[in-house]
Amino acid sequence: MKASKSNDVLGTVNRGSPAESGLCTLCRADCAGKCETWLASLKGREVLYPRDYGKVTAGADNTTHVGVSYNSLRIQGYNYGSSGLPQGVSNDPDNCTFPGADVSTSFGRTKKIQARMPIMTGALGSTKIAETYWDSFAVGCSLVGVPIVIGENVVGVDRNSRMKNGRIVDAPELDRRIQTYMRYFDGHGAVLVQLNVEDGRNRVADYVAEKYGGDKVLIELKWGQGAKDIGGEIEVFSLEQALFLKKRGYVVDPDPELSEVQEAFKRGSIKAFARHSRLGFTDFEKYEDIRSNFKATVEYLRGLGIRGITLKTGAYGMEALAMAIKLAGENNIDLLTIDGAGGGTGMSPWHMMQSWGVPSILLHSKAYEYARILDEKGENVPDMSFAGGFAQEDHIFKAIALGAPYSKLVCMGRALMISGFLGSNIQGVLQPEKKEKIGGNWDKLPKTVSDFGSSPEEVFAGYYDVQKKVGKDEMADIPFGAIAFWTMADKLKAGLQQFMAGSRKFALSEIDRGDLAAGNRETAMETGLPFITEAQDNTAKEILNS
């Protein structure tokens, strides 16, 4: 059954058709509201509760909890016990309140990374969206203390980057992105720079190691993503840029060097070009080829001094999933991100997003199964991050629990970008001199915002929390999109803490698969979780027969 477009209890509504995540299938940077993530970017944890307190009662709508999806998982609550409190803290009710639940996490084998929340961004790469709103995304992630991923091709598409002797020697856009995050970095979170085939040819990792040292920035090897089984795409509206990218070694479609294509562009029948990345491993015929190549790649990166190395794989079948887990473990990869279908934040082919790959819950269930096989053999299992259609606090809890104890983070793509859009649109109205630079899309505040006020102090519930962290004088340099990100993340944190407290788990590491049950029989079969009335049924009958 299709999810409803509106939620009367929270006072939210989707502009378009909602996906499993609750986000619209097409999320617009100029959206005037107001899905749940959009509203949470303004009001934060207030959105956890039904609106209009004192005037309403509310009841749950469970019509979407059918089929096999994360929405068909149910989170278990318990009526006694507690675990995960700090050493020396007694488990009396005063110490077991939800604000005390510790949502921090860590990951890594060769380099241990700390994060204040178990979330990270998806790869924000060479798309115009990522470039335009980067300051909001990066400053927001840095302030909250969570990892951010600079996606593939950022160096290759930068007209101001310089190549010499076949390798990159100057990359101003990459530098801007790293340095923006690092300005507020306090030891929590990390910057990951992603490599694809073209990035490898351009020796982006060499540049990163030489300029930033091997300890500050992690390198992410990319096998794929949940949106598509081909390389990354962007759309280019300039013939000059299309020719530049073709010379940089990219696949550009249609071919801008053909005279007939140039004439069609001049006449207006062709208005844009698509830039594509290449597939990897095309000359390999068997697993052992990939195994030896992957090991050599990791050794090369470590030879450059790179300490933190991660791997991102997509919604391929079971063989590729097993390869990713096995090779990540063998090579002490610091994090393996497993991205299920569908999704994507860039220019993925629509029917490919709809029809290719393994859906997230199925892929993640098998990831747990395969990780456990290796674990029981005594082999190394990598820390994992699950990706693919996550947006809300229940998604975070469910993904961490489904993959426990191996899952350490939840990777969110579009959900973490909405705050940047919204904050930039508000800032563009209130500070019109910055509108073009920050990607503001509005000429005036829509009623969905003006109902809350006409200044950032009024509309962002998290404004003064950010000011407390950075200082009053620094607030002039904080993008409104970063304030929105902080505010939305605070809602996710509080909601996650509430689920944890209800499950009597006061540290994230205590969450396990026993905290989940399946809402229908098919989900139970596919995930290996018990059907909801069968969970604890044996102990229940022991109580009755005692």
Protein backbone atom coordinates (compact mmCIF):
# COMPACT_ATOMS: atom_id res chain seq x y z
CA MET A 1 0.00 0.00 0.00
CA LYS A 2 1.31 3.43 -0.93
CA ALA A 3 2.27 5.78 1.89
CA SER A 4 -0.03 8.74 2.49
CA LYS A 5 1.12 12.15 1.24
CA SER A 6 0.04 13.91 4.44
CA ASN A 7 0.34 13.33 8.17
CA ASP A 8 -2.37 15.21 9.98
CA VAL A 9 -0.92 14.34 13.39
CA LEU A 10 2.38 16.11 12.71
CA GLY A 11 0.92 18.69 10.36
CA THR A 12 3.19 17.64 7.51
CA VAL A 13 2.52 17.06 3.84
CA ASN A 14 4.52 15.82 0.88
CA ARG A 15 4.49 17.93 -2.27
CA GLY A 16 4.95 14.78 -4.40
CA SER A 17 4.57 11.04 -4.05
CA PRO A 18 6.29 9.77 -0.88
CA ALA A 19 8.97 7.08 -1.06
CA GLU A 20 9.57 4.46 1.63
CA SER A 21 11.71 6.99 3.47
CA GLY A 22 8.80 9.43 3.71
CA LEU A 23 10.58 11.90 1.43
CA CYS A 24 9.06 12.87 -1.90
CA THR A 25 10.35 10.78 -4.78
CA LEU A 26 11.52 14.07 -6.33
CA CYS A 27 12.96 16.43 -3.71
CA ARG A 28 13.29 20.04 -4.86
CA ALA A 29 15.81 22.58 -3.57
CA ASP A 30 13.17 25.33 -3.88
CA CYS A 31 10.45 23.44 -1.99
CA ALA A 32 8.33 25.63 0.29
CA GLY A 33 7.39 22.69 2.51
CA LYS A 34 6.49 20.79 4.33
CA CYS A 35 7.45 17.13 4.70
CA GLU A 36 8.58 15.89 8.10
CA THR A 37 12.30 16.38 7.43
CA TRP A 38 11.64 19.89 6.08
CA LEU A 39 9.65 20.87 9.17
CA ALA A 40 12.18 19.26 11.53
CA SER A 41 14.86 21.52 10.02
CA LEU A 42 12.94 24.45 11.53
CA LYS A 43 11.32 23.07 14.67
CA GLY A 44 13.64 20.21 15.61
CA ARG A 45 12.46 17.80 18.28
CA GLU A 46 9.06 19.49 18.50
CA VAL A 47 8.15 17.49 15.38
CA LEU A 48 8.45 14.26 17.38
CA TYR A 49 5.03 14.93 18.91
CA PRO A 50 1.46 15.48 17.67
CA ARG A 51 0.69 19.12 16.93
CA ASP A 52 -1.79 21.34 18.78
CA TYR A 53 -1.35 19.83 22.23
CA GLY A 54 -4.40 20.33 24.42
CA LYS A 55 -6.77 20.34 21.45
CA VAL A 56 -6.25 16.91 19.93
CA THR A 57 -5.98 13.18 20.43
CA ALA A 58 -4.03 11.04 17.97
CA GLY A 59 -3.92 7.44 16.78
CA ALA A 60 -1.38 5.47 14.75
CA ASP A 61 -1.79 4.78 11.05
CA ASN A 62 -0.27 1.34 10.42
CA THR A 63 -1.46 0.97 6.84
CA THR A 64 2.07 1.36 5.44
CA HIS A 65 3.52 -1.52 7.50
CA VAL A 66 2.91 -4.16 4.87
CA GLY A 67 5.14 -5.98 2.43
CA VAL A 68 8.88 -6.40 2.95
CA SER A 69 10.49 -3.08 3.83
CA TYR A 70 12.02 -1.28 6.78
CA ASN A 71 8.53 0.05 7.48
CA SER A 72 7.38 -3.50 8.20
CA LEU A 73 9.86 -3.88 11.06
CA ARG A 74 8.58 -3.20 14.56
CA ILE A 75 10.78 -1.96 17.40
CA GLN A 76 10.47 -3.93 20.61
CA GLY A 77 9.88 -2.15 23.91
CA TYR A 78 10.37 -3.74 27.31
CA ASN A 79 8.76 -3.18 30.69
CA TYR A 80 11.80 -3.90 32.84
CA GLY A 81 15.58 -3.79 32.89
CA SER A 82 18.27 -1.46 31.57
CA SER A 83 21.66 -1.84 29.92
CA GLY A 84 24.41 0.39 28.63
CA LEU A 85 24.67 2.86 31.52
CA PRO A 86 28.16 4.23 32.21
CA GLN A 87 30.26 2.31 34.69
CA GLY A 88 29.40 3.25 38.24
CA VAL A 89 25.99 4.70 37.38
CA SER A 90 23.12 2.97 39.14
CA ASN A 91 20.11 1.83 37.14
CA ASP A 92 17.51 3.68 39.18
CA PRO A 93 14.78 5.58 37.31
CA ASP A 94 16.53 8.93 37.76
CA ASN A 95 19.45 7.68 35.66
CA CYS A 96 17.36 5.90 33.04
CA THR A 97 15.73 8.85 31.29
CA PHE A 98 15.84 9.11 27.51
CA PRO A 99 18.05 12.26 27.33
CA GLY A 100 20.79 10.17 28.96
CA ALA A 101 20.85 7.56 26.18
CA ASP A 102 24.24 7.71 24.47
CA VAL A 103 23.84 7.86 20.68
CA SER A 104 27.55 8.28 19.92
CA THR A 105 29.35 5.70 17.85
CA SER A 106 32.77 4.83 16.48
CA PHE A 107 34.13 2.84 13.58
CA GLY A 108 37.43 1.83 12.05
CA ARG A 109 40.18 -0.77 12.20
CA THR A 110 43.38 1.10 11.31
CA LYS A 111 41.95 4.52 12.16
CA LYS A 112 39.26 4.86 14.84
CA ILE A 113 36.70 7.57 14.05
CA GLN A 114 34.35 8.96 16.70
CA ALA A 115 30.95 10.41 15.81
CA ARG A 116 28.37 12.06 18.06
CA MET A 117 25.50 10.44 16.18
CA PRO A 118 25.30 7.25 14.09
CA ILE A 119 24.61 9.07 10.82
CA MET A 120 26.73 10.09 7.83
CA THR A 121 26.00 11.68 4.48
CA GLY A 122 25.86 9.88 1.21
CA ALA A 123 28.39 10.86 -1.42
CA LEU A 124 28.00 14.54 -2.32
CA GLY A 125 30.00 14.67 -5.51
CA SER A 126 30.17 16.57 -8.77
CA THR A 127 26.49 17.49 -8.96
CA LYS A 128 25.54 21.17 -9.03
CA ILE A 129 23.39 20.62 -5.94
CA ALA A 130 26.38 19.38 -3.91
CA GLU A 131 28.56 22.26 -5.06
CA THR A 132 25.97 24.97 -4.42
CA TYR A 133 24.91 23.85 -0.95
CA TRP A 134 28.23 22.43 0.22
CA ASP A 135 28.81 25.07 2.91
CA SER A 136 25.50 24.21 4.57
CA PHE A 137 26.10 20.47 4.39
CA ALA A 138 29.73 20.59 5.53
CA VAL A 139 29.36 23.11 8.34
CA GLY A 140 26.23 21.35 9.57
CA CYS A 141 27.92 17.94 9.64
CA SER A 142 31.02 19.36 11.27
CA LEU A 143 29.07 21.11 14.03
CA VAL A 144 26.97 18.03 14.73
CA GLY A 145 30.08 15.83 14.64
CA VAL A 146 29.21 13.29 11.93
CA PRO A 147 31.11 12.15 8.79
CA ILE A 148 30.62 13.72 5.38
CA VAL A 149 31.51 12.14 2.02
CA ILE A 150 32.91 14.14 -0.88
CA GLY A 151 31.69 12.11 -3.83
CA GLU A 152 33.33 11.05 -7.04
CA ASN A 153 34.50 13.32 -9.88
CA VAL A 154 34.74 16.57 -7.89
CA VAL A 155 38.30 17.12 -9.11
CA GLY A 156 37.67 16.00 -12.68
CA VAL A 157 34.79 18.40 -13.40
CA ASP A 158 36.44 21.41 -11.76
CA ARG A 159 37.44 23.79 -14.58
CA ASN A 160 39.97 25.41 -12.24
CA SER A 161 41.76 22.19 -11.34
CA ARG A 162 45.13 21.63 -13.03
CA MET A 163 46.74 18.46 -14.35
CA LYS A 164 50.46 17.94 -14.90
CA ASN A 165 52.08 14.79 -16.25
CA GLY A 166 48.77 12.93 -16.04
CA ARG A 167 47.98 13.72 -12.41
CA ILE A 168 46.18 16.41 -10.50
CA VAL A 169 48.37 19.14 -9.00
CA ASP A 170 45.76 21.75 -8.04
CA ALA A 171 42.16 21.08 -7.00
CA PRO A 172 40.52 24.24 -5.62
CA GLU A 173 36.97 22.85 -5.39
CA LEU A 174 38.14 19.77 -3.49
CA ASP A 175 40.22 21.99 -1.22
CA ARG A 176 37.23 24.24 -0.56
CA ARG A 177 35.10 21.30 0.45
CA ILE A 178 37.66 19.78 2.81
CA GLN A 179 38.60 23.09 4.41
CA THR A 180 34.97 24.13 4.95
CA TYR A 181 34.34 21.01 7.01
CA MET A 182 37.63 21.27 8.88
CA ARG A 183 36.95 24.83 10.05
CA TYR A 184 34.62 23.54 12.78
CA PHE A 185 36.00 20.02 13.14
CA ASP A 186 36.56 19.15 16.81
CA GLY A 187 37.63 15.51 16.60
CA HIS A 188 34.18 14.03 15.95
CA GLY A 189 33.24 13.01 12.42
CA ALA A 190 35.49 12.80 9.37
CA VAL A 191 35.88 13.78 5.73
CA LEU A 192 35.83 10.92 3.22
CA VAL A 193 37.00 11.56 -0.35
CA GLN A 194 35.57 9.07 -2.82
CA LEU A 195 37.50 7.54 -5.72
CA ASN A 196 36.11 6.08 -8.93
CA VAL A 197 37.94 5.01 -12.10
CA GLU A 198 38.60 8.55 -13.33
CA ASP A 199 39.63 9.78 -9.88
CA GLY A 200 42.11 6.93 -9.70
CA ARG A 201 43.55 7.83 -13.10
CA ASN A 202 43.86 11.46 -12.01
CA ARG A 203 45.61 10.30 -8.81
CA VAL A 204 43.30 12.21 -6.50
CA ALA A 205 44.44 10.11 -3.52
CA ASP A 206 48.04 11.17 -4.10
CA TYR A 207 46.95 14.81 -4.04
CA VAL A 208 44.96 14.34 -0.82
CA ALA A 209 47.82 12.52 0.92
CA GLU A 210 50.40 15.11 -0.08
CA LYS A 211 48.32 18.17 0.78
CA TYR A 212 46.50 17.02 3.91
CA GLY A 213 48.60 14.17 5.22
CA GLY A 214 47.40 10.61 5.55
CA ASP A 215 45.68 11.11 8.89
CA LYS A 216 43.17 13.93 8.34
CA VAL A 217 41.14 12.75 5.35
CA LEU A 218 39.84 9.24 4.62
CA ILE A 219 39.70 7.73 1.14
CA GLU A 220 36.57 5.86 0.04
CA LEU A 221 36.86 3.33 -2.76
CA LYS A 222 33.64 3.18 -4.75
CA TRP A 223 32.18 0.01 -6.22
CA GLY A 224 28.67 1.33 -6.72
CA GLN A 225 25.55 2.78 -5.16
CA GLY A 226 21.92 1.92 -4.64
CA ALA A 227 20.55 4.16 -7.38
CA LYS A 228 22.20 2.58 -10.42
CA ASP A 229 24.54 -0.08 -11.72
CA ILE A 230 26.52 2.27 -13.99
CA GLY A 231 28.87 5.15 -13.22
CA GLY A 232 27.90 8.59 -12.02
CA GLU A 233 26.22 11.16 -14.24
CA ILE A 234 25.78 14.90 -14.28
CA GLU A 235 24.01 17.12 -16.80
CA VAL A 236 26.01 19.81 -18.61
CA PHE A 237 24.33 22.77 -20.34
CA SER A 238 27.43 24.26 -22.02
CA LEU A 239 29.11 22.94 -25.15
CA GLU A 240 32.39 24.35 -23.86
CA GLN A 241 32.06 22.40 -20.59
CA ALA A 242 31.06 19.24 -22.46
CA LEU A 243 34.19 19.48 -24.62
CA PHE A 244 36.31 20.10 -21.52
CA LEU A 245 34.95 16.99 -19.82
CA LYS A 246 35.49 14.89 -22.96
CA LYS A 247 39.12 15.98 -23.00
CA ARG A 248 39.39 15.20 -19.29
CA GLY A 249 38.63 11.61 -20.21
CA TYR A 250 34.95 11.31 -19.38
CA VAL A 251 32.22 9.69 -21.45
CA VAL A 252 29.98 12.53 -22.68
CA ASP A 253 26.66 11.77 -24.36
CA PRO A 254 25.92 12.86 -27.03
CA ASP A 255 29.50 13.25 -28.20
CA PRO A 256 30.21 17.03 -28.20
CA GLU A 257 33.07 16.62 -30.69
CA LEU A 258 30.73 15.53 -33.51
CA SER A 259 29.87 18.33 -35.91
CA GLU A 260 26.22 17.26 -36.18
CA VAL A 261 25.87 17.35 -32.39
CA GLN A 262 27.40 20.81 -32.24
CA GLU A 263 25.00 22.01 -34.92
CA ALA A 264 22.03 20.52 -33.07
CA PHE A 265 23.16 22.24 -29.88
CA LYS A 266 23.53 25.54 -31.74
CA ARG A 267 19.99 25.19 -33.18
CA GLY A 268 18.55 24.24 -29.79
CA SER A 269 17.35 20.70 -30.54
CA ILE A 270 20.00 19.46 -28.10
CA LYS A 271 20.06 21.52 -24.94
CA ALA A 272 22.29 19.49 -22.61
CA PHE A 273 24.91 16.76 -22.39
CA ALA A 274 25.25 13.91 -19.90
CA ARG A 275 28.67 13.19 -18.42
CA HIS A 276 29.20 9.58 -17.39
CA SER A 277 31.83 7.75 -15.34
CA ARG A 278 33.31 4.41 -16.30
CA LEU A 279 32.61 0.98 -14.91
CA GLY A 280 35.28 -0.67 -12.81
CA PHE A 281 36.70 -4.21 -13.03
CA THR A 282 35.58 -4.64 -16.65
CA ASP A 283 38.69 -6.65 -17.53
CA PHE A 284 38.34 -9.08 -14.60
CA GLU A 285 36.80 -12.51 -15.09
CA LYS A 286 36.85 -14.01 -11.61
CA TYR A 287 36.83 -13.22 -7.92
CA GLU A 288 40.57 -13.79 -7.47
CA ASP A 289 41.29 -11.01 -9.99
CA ILE A 290 39.27 -8.57 -7.91
CA ARG A 291 40.80 -9.87 -4.70
CA SER A 292 44.38 -9.26 -5.80
CA ASN A 293 43.55 -5.89 -7.38
CA PHE A 294 41.72 -4.69 -4.27
CA LYS A 295 44.60 -5.69 -2.02
CA ALA A 296 47.07 -3.90 -4.30
CA THR A 297 44.91 -0.76 -4.29
CA VAL A 298 44.69 -0.71 -0.50
CA GLU A 299 48.44 -1.25 -0.19
CA TYR A 300 49.06 1.58 -2.65
CA LEU A 301 46.89 3.96 -0.61
CA ARG A 302 48.58 2.97 2.62
CA GLY A 303 51.91 3.48 0.92
CA LEU A 304 50.85 7.09 0.34
CA GLY A 305 50.32 7.43 4.08
CA ILE A 306 46.51 7.21 3.97
CA ARG A 307 45.41 5.67 7.28
CA GLY A 308 41.65 5.63 6.88
CA ILE A 309 40.25 3.65 3.93
CA THR A 310 36.57 2.83 3.39
CA LEU A 311 34.55 1.04 0.72
CA LYS A 312 31.15 1.90 -0.76
CA THR A 313 29.26 -0.84 -2.57
CA GLY A 314 25.84 -0.77 -4.20
CA ALA A 315 22.74 -2.87 -4.62
CA TYR A 316 24.44 -5.66 -6.57
CA GLY A 317 23.60 -9.32 -6.00
CA MET A 318 24.77 -11.69 -3.31
CA GLU A 319 28.11 -12.51 -4.91
CA ALA A 320 29.23 -8.88 -4.95
CA LEU A 321 27.97 -8.39 -1.40
CA ALA A 322 30.00 -11.36 -0.19
CA MET A 323 33.08 -10.02 -2.03
CA ALA A 324 32.71 -6.61 -0.39
CA ILE A 325 32.41 -8.00 3.14
CA LYS A 326 35.17 -10.57 2.68
CA LEU A 327 37.69 -8.20 1.06
CA ALA A 328 36.90 -5.35 3.44
CA GLY A 329 37.62 -7.67 6.34
CA GLU A 330 40.78 -9.16 4.84
CA ASN A 331 42.23 -5.71 4.17
CA ASN A 332 41.20 -4.06 7.46
CA ILE A 333 38.95 -1.55 5.71
CA ASP A 334 37.69 0.99 8.24
CA LEU A 335 34.08 1.12 7.07
CA LEU A 336 31.96 -0.70 4.49
CA THR A 337 28.90 1.23 3.31
CA ILE A 338 26.24 -1.02 1.76
CA ASP A 339 23.72 0.94 -0.29
CA GLY A 340 20.44 -0.74 -1.16
CA ALA A 341 18.06 0.07 -4.01
CA GLY A 342 16.60 2.49 -4.82
CA GLY A 343 17.62 6.06 -4.27
CA GLY A 344 20.23 8.48 -5.41
CA THR A 345 20.85 12.18 -5.04
CA GLY A 346 22.25 12.97 -8.47
CA MET A 347 21.14 12.30 -12.04
CA SER A 348 20.42 8.60 -11.98
CA PRO A 349 18.29 7.13 -14.80
CA TRP A 350 14.74 6.99 -13.44
CA HIS A 351 13.76 3.48 -14.58
CA MET A 352 17.12 2.18 -13.41
CA MET A 353 16.37 3.55 -9.95
CA GLN A 354 12.98 1.86 -10.10
CA SER A 355 13.99 -1.52 -11.45
CA TRP A 356 17.57 -2.53 -10.73
CA GLY A 357 19.23 -3.99 -7.69
CA VAL A 358 18.44 -5.50 -4.31
CA PRO A 359 16.09 -3.49 -2.05
CA SER A 360 17.70 -2.19 1.12
CA ILE A 361 16.15 -4.44 3.75
CA LEU A 362 16.94 -7.60 1.77
CA LEU A 363 20.52 -6.53 1.06
CA HIS A 364 21.14 -5.53 4.66
CA SER A 365 19.65 -8.74 6.02
CA LYS A 366 22.02 -10.78 3.85
CA ALA A 367 24.90 -8.52 4.88
CA TYR A 368 24.29 -9.49 8.50
CA GLU A 369 24.05 -13.17 7.55
CA TYR A 370 27.32 -13.09 5.59
CA ALA A 371 29.12 -11.09 8.27
CA ARG A 372 28.09 -13.63 10.86
CA ILE A 373 29.44 -16.49 8.73
CA LEU A 374 32.84 -14.83 8.64
CA ASP A 375 32.68 -13.94 12.32
CA GLU A 376 31.93 -17.53 13.32
CA LYS A 377 34.93 -18.66 11.28
CA GLY A 378 37.10 -16.27 13.26
CA GLU A 379 37.68 -13.95 10.30
CA ASN A 380 37.73 -10.18 10.46
CA VAL A 381 34.38 -8.46 9.83
CA PRO A 382 34.39 -4.77 8.84
CA ASP A 383 32.36 -2.11 10.57
CA MET A 384 29.35 -1.35 8.39
CA SER A 385 27.13 1.54 7.43
CA PHE A 386 23.74 0.80 5.89
CA ALA A 387 22.31 3.13 3.23
CA GLY A 388 19.23 3.22 1.04
CA GLY A 389 16.11 5.24 1.80
CA PHE A 390 16.59 6.35 5.40
CA ALA A 391 15.25 9.62 6.78
CA GLN A 392 13.80 9.27 10.29
CA GLU A 393 14.88 8.18 13.77
CA ASP A 394 13.04 4.86 13.58
CA HIS A 395 14.99 4.08 10.39
CA ILE A 396 18.24 4.69 12.25
CA PHE A 397 17.28 2.38 15.11
CA LYS A 398 16.05 -0.36 12.78
CA ALA A 399 19.15 -0.31 10.54
CA ILE A 400 21.53 -0.37 13.52
CA ALA A 401 19.56 -3.22 15.11
CA LEU A 402 19.19 -5.27 11.91
CA GLY A 403 22.94 -5.35 11.33
CA ALA A 404 24.08 -5.44 14.96
CA PRO A 405 26.78 -5.79 16.14
CA TYR A 406 28.44 -4.96 12.80
CA SER A 407 26.41 -1.89 11.77
CA LYS A 408 27.78 1.31 13.30
CA LEU A 409 26.25 4.05 11.15
CA VAL A 410 23.31 4.83 8.91
CA CYS A 411 24.14 6.60 5.67
CA MET A 412 21.53 9.17 4.63
CA GLY A 413 21.45 10.86 1.25
CA ARG A 414 18.54 13.11 0.40
CA ALA A 415 17.26 13.45 3.97
CA LEU A 416 20.39 15.26 5.13
CA MET A 417 20.30 17.61 2.12
CA ILE A 418 16.83 19.04 2.75
CA SER A 419 18.03 21.17 5.66
CA GLY A 420 20.66 22.79 3.45
CA PHE A 421 18.06 23.68 0.83
CA LEU A 422 15.60 25.08 3.35
CA GLY A 423 18.13 27.11 5.32
CA SER A 424 19.62 28.57 2.14
CA ASN A 425 16.19 29.57 0.85
CA ILE A 426 15.43 31.37 4.12
CA GLN A 427 18.84 33.06 4.18
CA GLY A 428 18.41 34.20 0.58
CA VAL A 429 15.26 36.08 1.58
CA LEU A 430 16.59 37.56 4.83
CA GLN A 431 20.04 38.33 3.37
CA PRO A 432 19.31 38.94 -0.35
CA GLU A 433 22.89 39.99 -1.07
CA LYS A 434 23.90 36.33 -0.50
CA LYS A 435 21.00 34.76 -2.37
CA GLU A 436 22.77 33.82 -5.60
CA LYS A 437 25.94 32.55 -3.93
CA ILE A 438 24.17 30.28 -1.45
CA GLY A 439 21.54 28.95 -3.86
CA GLY A 440 18.49 30.72 -2.44
CA ASN A 441 15.34 30.06 -4.47
CA TRP A 442 12.74 32.25 -2.77
CA ASP A 443 11.86 35.93 -3.11
CA LYS A 444 9.85 35.97 0.11
CA LEU A 445 9.21 33.65 3.00
CA PRO A 446 6.29 31.26 2.36
CA LYS A 447 3.60 30.99 4.99
CA THR A 448 5.01 27.60 6.01
CA VAL A 449 8.03 29.52 7.36
CA SER A 450 6.63 32.96 8.21
CA ASP A 451 4.13 31.33 10.59
CA PHE A 452 7.15 30.68 12.84
CA GLY A 453 8.69 34.14 12.54
CA SER A 454 10.76 36.40 10.32
CA SER A 455 14.28 36.02 11.72
CA PRO A 456 16.62 33.04 12.06
CA GLU A 457 16.38 33.28 15.86
CA GLU A 458 12.61 32.80 15.57
CA VAL A 459 12.32 30.15 12.86
CA PHE A 460 15.15 27.78 13.87
CA ALA A 461 14.60 26.01 17.17
CA GLY A 462 18.30 25.13 17.25
CA TYR A 463 19.64 28.65 16.64
CA TYR A 464 20.81 29.30 20.19
CA ASP A 465 22.24 25.80 20.55
CA VAL A 466 24.50 26.51 17.58
CA GLN A 467 25.37 29.94 19.01
CA LYS A 468 26.36 28.31 22.30
CA LYS A 469 28.72 25.98 20.44
CA VAL A 470 30.44 28.49 18.13
CA GLY A 471 30.02 31.77 20.01
CA LYS A 472 27.89 34.79 19.24
CA ASP A 473 30.50 36.49 17.05
CA GLU A 474 30.91 33.40 14.84
CA MET A 475 27.20 33.13 14.04
CA ALA A 476 27.54 35.61 11.17
CA ASP A 477 29.63 32.99 9.34
CA ILE A 478 27.32 30.03 9.97
CA PRO A 479 25.07 29.28 6.96
CA PHE A 480 21.40 29.08 7.80
CA GLY A 481 21.43 25.68 6.10
CA ALA A 482 23.88 24.46 8.75
CA ILE A 483 21.61 25.78 11.52
CA ALA A 484 18.74 23.90 9.88
CA PHE A 485 20.90 20.77 9.71
CA TRP A 486 21.71 21.03 13.42
CA THR A 487 18.02 21.52 14.23
CA MET A 488 16.90 18.52 12.18
CA ALA A 489 19.73 16.35 13.59
CA ASP A 490 18.61 17.27 17.10
CA LYS A 491 15.18 15.89 16.30
CA LEU A 492 16.71 12.65 15.01
CA LYS A 493 18.87 12.40 18.12
CA ALA A 494 15.99 12.90 20.54
CA GLY A 495 13.77 10.45 18.64
CA LEU A 496 16.52 7.84 18.60
CA GLN A 497 17.11 8.33 22.32
CA GLN A 498 13.42 7.76 22.98
CA PHE A 499 13.41 4.47 21.05
CA MET A 500 16.56 3.40 22.89
CA ALA A 501 15.09 4.21 26.28
CA GLY A 502 11.92 2.30 25.40
CA SER A 503 14.06 -0.71 24.54
CA ARG A 504 16.03 -0.15 27.77
CA LYS A 505 19.25 0.38 25.81
CA PHE A 506 21.17 3.42 27.06
CA ALA A 507 24.17 3.00 24.77
CA LEU A 508 24.03 2.55 21.01
CA SER A 509 26.30 -0.51 21.19
CA GLU A 510 23.66 -2.31 23.25
CA ILE A 511 21.09 -2.29 20.44
CA ASP A 512 20.75 -5.75 18.87
CA ARG A 513 18.51 -7.78 16.63
CA GLY A 514 16.41 -8.82 19.61
CA ASP A 515 15.07 -5.26 19.61
CA LEU A 516 13.25 -5.91 16.33
CA ALA A 517 10.34 -8.06 15.25
CA ALA A 518 8.72 -8.56 11.85
CA GLY A 519 5.30 -7.09 11.22
CA ASN A 520 4.37 -9.80 8.73
CA ARG A 521 5.40 -13.39 7.92
CA GLU A 522 7.22 -12.58 4.68
CA THR A 523 9.42 -10.03 6.41
CA ALA A 524 10.17 -12.57 9.13
CA MET A 525 11.24 -15.10 6.51
CA GLU A 526 13.46 -12.66 4.61
CA THR A 527 15.15 -11.02 7.58
CA GLY A 528 15.49 -13.95 9.96
CA LEU A 529 13.64 -11.97 12.62
CA PRO A 530 10.73 -13.49 14.53
CA PHE A 531 7.17 -12.60 13.65
CA ILE A 532 5.96 -10.11 16.20
CA THR A 533 3.72 -12.47 18.20
CA GLU A 534 6.38 -15.19 18.15
CA ALA A 535 9.08 -12.96 19.61
CA GLN A 536 9.42 -13.82 23.33
CA ASP A 537 6.54 -16.26 23.03
CA ASN A 538 8.52 -19.04 24.72
CA THR A 539 9.41 -16.95 27.77
CA ALA A 540 5.83 -15.68 27.90
CA LYS A 541 4.56 -19.24 28.18
CA GLU A 542 7.15 -20.02 30.82
CA ILE A 543 5.67 -17.21 32.89
CA LEU A 544 2.16 -18.56 32.38
CA ASN A 545 3.20 -22.09 33.32
CA SER A 546 5.32 -21.10 36.33
